[in-house]
Amino acid sequence: MTTKVAKPPEHLTEATKAWWNLAVSDYALEAHHLRLLQLACEAWDRAQQARTVIDEQGLTYTNRFGDPVLRPEAAVERDARLAFARLVRELDLDVDHPGEARSRPPALRSNRRI
């Protein structure tokens, strides 16, 4: 188990670094959890980058034939949102476990023994 508080990767946005810090302070994450957390943070930032382009340039553009075409950033945003949601679920950060200490490493429901 990780004993020192892991610092967020430098390439993340300030808001995402703050979320990273909240997650590592609320949960005792092992090294493999930190890798998943990094991927979740990167997916969030990527979705926000795509959202910024869509907000500035619109959801579609007109191709050389005059047809409206969905911007590639729409697919990037969709894929990044899905990746983020799946990674958060994989880490069990989206579920409140009544009666369980939040400092426990997240337990995957699929790996729990009954």
C-alpha atoms as a PDB file:
ATOM      1  CA  MET A   1       0.000   0.000   0.000  1.00  0.00           C
ATOM      2  CA  THR A   2       1.201   3.514  -0.737  1.00  0.00           C
ATOM      3  CA  THR A   3       2.379   5.174   2.483  1.00  0.00           C
ATOM      4  CA  LYS A   4       3.177   8.680   1.236  1.00  0.00           C
ATOM      5  CA  VAL A   5       0.684  10.929  -0.487  1.00  0.00           C
ATOM      6  CA  ALA A   6       1.113  10.651  -4.232  1.00  0.00           C
ATOM      7  CA  LYS A   7       1.413  13.941  -6.070  1.00  0.00           C
ATOM      8  CA  PRO A   8      -0.685  14.485  -9.199  1.00  0.00           C
ATOM      9  CA  PRO A   9       1.069  14.309 -12.562  1.00  0.00           C
ATOM     10  CA  GLU A  10       2.299  17.718 -13.708  1.00  0.00           C
ATOM     11  CA  HIS A  11       0.491  17.632 -17.059  1.00  0.00           C
ATOM     12  CA  LEU A  12      -2.975  17.639 -15.475  1.00  0.00           C
ATOM     13  CA  THR A  13      -5.010  20.833 -15.239  1.00  0.00           C
ATOM     14  CA  GLU A  14      -5.163  22.583 -11.882  1.00  0.00           C
ATOM     15  CA  ALA A  15      -8.805  21.549 -11.334  1.00  0.00           C
ATOM     16  CA  THR A  16      -7.998  17.926 -12.093  1.00  0.00           C
ATOM     17  CA  LYS A  17      -4.955  18.034  -9.808  1.00  0.00           C
ATOM     18  CA  ALA A  18      -7.267  19.210  -7.035  1.00  0.00           C
ATOM     19  CA  TRP A  19      -9.593  16.245  -7.701  1.00  0.00           C
ATOM     20  CA  TRP A  20      -6.574  13.892  -7.666  1.00  0.00           C
ATOM     21  CA  ASN A  21      -5.537  15.294  -4.271  1.00  0.00           C
ATOM     22  CA  LEU A  22      -9.049  14.790  -2.912  1.00  0.00           C
ATOM     23  CA  ALA A  23      -9.131  11.176  -4.123  1.00  0.00           C
ATOM     24  CA  VAL A  24      -5.727  10.268  -2.687  1.00  0.00           C
ATOM     25  CA  SER A  25      -6.573  11.922   0.635  1.00  0.00           C
ATOM     26  CA  ASP A  26      -9.926  10.116   0.913  1.00  0.00           C
ATOM     27  CA  TYR A  27      -8.702   6.655  -0.117  1.00  0.00           C
ATOM     28  CA  ALA A  28      -5.634   4.536   0.591  1.00  0.00           C
ATOM     29  CA  LEU A  29      -4.681   3.784  -2.980  1.00  0.00           C
ATOM     30  CA  GLU A  30      -2.115   1.233  -4.041  1.00  0.00           C
ATOM     31  CA  ALA A  31       0.224   1.749  -6.997  1.00  0.00           C
ATOM     32  CA  HIS A  32      -2.132   0.156  -9.521  1.00  0.00           C
ATOM     33  CA  HIS A  33      -5.005   2.317  -8.231  1.00  0.00           C
ATOM     34  CA  LEU A  34      -2.877   5.411  -8.815  1.00  0.00           C
ATOM     35  CA  ARG A  35      -2.329   4.398 -12.428  1.00  0.00           C
ATOM     36  CA  LEU A  36      -6.074   4.030 -12.918  1.00  0.00           C
ATOM     37  CA  LEU A  37      -6.629   7.370 -11.188  1.00  0.00           C
ATOM     38  CA  GLN A  38      -4.122   8.993 -13.541  1.00  0.00           C
ATOM     39  CA  LEU A  39      -5.938   7.551 -16.552  1.00  0.00           C
ATOM     40  CA  ALA A  40      -9.253   8.861 -15.176  1.00  0.00           C
ATOM     41  CA  CYS A  41      -7.760  12.320 -14.684  1.00  0.00           C
ATOM     42  CA  GLU A  42      -6.302  12.345 -18.181  1.00  0.00           C
ATOM     43  CA  ALA A  43      -9.622  11.237 -19.647  1.00  0.00           C
ATOM     44  CA  TRP A  44     -11.405  14.055 -17.806  1.00  0.00           C
ATOM     45  CA  ASP A  45      -8.933  16.646 -19.062  1.00  0.00           C
ATOM     46  CA  ARG A  46      -9.183  15.298 -22.625  1.00  0.00           C
ATOM     47  CA  ALA A  47     -12.985  15.524 -22.523  1.00  0.00           C
ATOM     48  CA  GLN A  48     -12.721  19.118 -21.324  1.00  0.00           C
ATOM     49  CA  GLN A  49     -10.263  19.983 -24.103  1.00  0.00           C
ATOM     50  CA  ALA A  50     -12.642  18.579 -26.696  1.00  0.00           C
ATOM     51  CA  ARG A  51     -15.571  20.425 -25.075  1.00  0.00           C
ATOM     52  CA  THR A  52     -13.649  23.717 -25.356  1.00  0.00           C
ATOM     53  CA  VAL A  53     -13.116  23.216 -29.103  1.00  0.00           C
ATOM     54  CA  ILE A  54     -16.784  22.286 -29.602  1.00  0.00           C
ATOM     55  CA  ASP A  55     -17.887  25.350 -27.643  1.00  0.00           C
ATOM     56  CA  GLU A  56     -15.645  27.585 -29.759  1.00  0.00           C
ATOM     57  CA  GLN A  57     -16.146  26.043 -33.197  1.00  0.00           C
ATOM     58  CA  GLY A  58     -19.491  24.287 -32.959  1.00  0.00           C
ATOM     59  CA  LEU A  59     -20.533  20.661 -33.074  1.00  0.00           C
ATOM     60  CA  THR A  60     -20.295  20.420 -36.856  1.00  0.00           C
ATOM     61  CA  TYR A  61     -18.367  21.889 -39.746  1.00  0.00           C
ATOM     62  CA  THR A  62     -19.189  22.078 -43.441  1.00  0.00           C
ATOM     63  CA  ASN A  63     -17.155  19.826 -45.716  1.00  0.00           C
ATOM     64  CA  ARG A  64     -16.099  20.686 -49.274  1.00  0.00           C
ATOM     65  CA  PHE A  65     -19.442  19.387 -50.606  1.00  0.00           C
ATOM     66  CA  GLY A  66     -21.416  21.696 -48.340  1.00  0.00           C
ATOM     67  CA  ASP A  67     -22.543  18.877 -46.031  1.00  0.00           C
ATOM     68  CA  PRO A  68     -22.548  19.291 -42.261  1.00  0.00           C
ATOM     69  CA  VAL A  69     -20.094  16.897 -40.608  1.00  0.00           C
ATOM     70  CA  LEU A  70     -19.702  16.092 -36.928  1.00  0.00           C
ATOM     71  CA  ARG A  71     -16.428  17.480 -35.586  1.00  0.00           C
ATOM     72  CA  PRO A  72     -13.837  14.853 -34.553  1.00  0.00           C
ATOM     73  CA  GLU A  73     -13.760  16.452 -31.114  1.00  0.00           C
ATOM     74  CA  ALA A  74     -17.294  15.162 -30.501  1.00  0.00           C
ATOM     75  CA  ALA A  75     -16.017  11.579 -30.664  1.00  0.00           C
ATOM     76  CA  VAL A  76     -12.994  12.484 -28.539  1.00  0.00           C
ATOM     77  CA  GLU A  77     -15.285  13.988 -25.893  1.00  0.00           C
ATOM     78  CA  ARG A  78     -17.629  10.979 -25.949  1.00  0.00           C
ATOM     79  CA  ASP A  79     -14.802   8.460 -25.684  1.00  0.00           C
ATOM     80  CA  ALA A  80     -13.050  10.365 -22.913  1.00  0.00           C
ATOM     81  CA  ARG A  81     -16.269  10.682 -20.900  1.00  0.00           C
ATOM     82  CA  LEU A  82     -16.900   6.959 -21.199  1.00  0.00           C
ATOM     83  CA  ALA A  83     -13.336   6.173 -20.187  1.00  0.00           C
ATOM     84  CA  PHE A  84     -13.597   8.495 -17.180  1.00  0.00           C
ATOM     85  CA  ALA A  85     -16.883   6.968 -16.019  1.00  0.00           C
ATOM     86  CA  ARG A  86     -15.544   3.424 -16.359  1.00  0.00           C
ATOM     87  CA  LEU A  87     -12.318   4.212 -14.536  1.00  0.00           C
ATOM     88  CA  VAL A  88     -14.146   5.904 -11.663  1.00  0.00           C
ATOM     89  CA  ARG A  89     -16.411   2.867 -11.426  1.00  0.00           C
ATOM     90  CA  GLU A  90     -13.387   0.546 -11.588  1.00  0.00           C
ATOM     91  CA  LEU A  91     -11.849   2.396  -8.655  1.00  0.00           C
ATOM     92  CA  ASP A  92     -15.182   2.303  -6.802  1.00  0.00           C
ATOM     93  CA  LEU A  93     -14.988   6.071  -6.318  1.00  0.00           C
ATOM     94  CA  ASP A  94     -18.591   6.415  -7.470  1.00  0.00           C
ATOM     95  CA  VAL A  95     -20.090   4.260  -4.721  1.00  0.00           C
ATOM     96  CA  ASP A  96     -20.590   5.227  -1.107  1.00  0.00           C
ATOM     97  CA  HIS A  97     -20.119   2.150   1.055  1.00  0.00           C
ATOM     98  CA  PRO A  98     -22.114   2.720   4.259  1.00  0.00           C
ATOM     99  CA  GLY A  99     -20.221   1.638   7.329  1.00  0.00           C
ATOM    100  CA  GLU A 100     -16.912   1.232   5.494  1.00  0.00           C
ATOM    101  CA  ALA A 101     -13.998   3.480   6.270  1.00  0.00           C
ATOM    102  CA  ARG A 102     -13.105   5.626   3.267  1.00  0.00           C
ATOM    103  CA  SER A 103      -9.431   5.091   3.998  1.00  0.00           C
ATOM    104  CA  ARG A 104      -9.681   1.473   2.861  1.00  0.00           C
ATOM    105  CA  PRO A 105      -8.456   0.782  -0.634  1.00  0.00           C
ATOM    106  CA  PRO A 106     -11.380   0.632  -3.002  1.00  0.00           C
ATOM    107  CA  ALA A 107     -12.656  -2.910  -3.441  1.00  0.00           C
ATOM    108  CA  LEU A 108     -13.971  -3.926  -6.807  1.00  0.00           C
ATOM    109  CA  ARG A 109     -17.380  -5.474  -6.518  1.00  0.00           C
ATOM    110  CA  SER A 110     -16.428  -8.006  -9.154  1.00  0.00           C
ATOM    111  CA  ASN A 111     -13.489  -9.144  -6.980  1.00  0.00           C
ATOM    112  CA  ARG A 112     -15.323  -9.371  -3.672  1.00  0.00           C
ATOM    113  CA  ARG A 113     -15.801 -12.740  -2.090  1.00  0.00           C
ATOM    114  CA  ILE A 114     -19.222 -13.477  -0.726  1.00  0.00           C
END
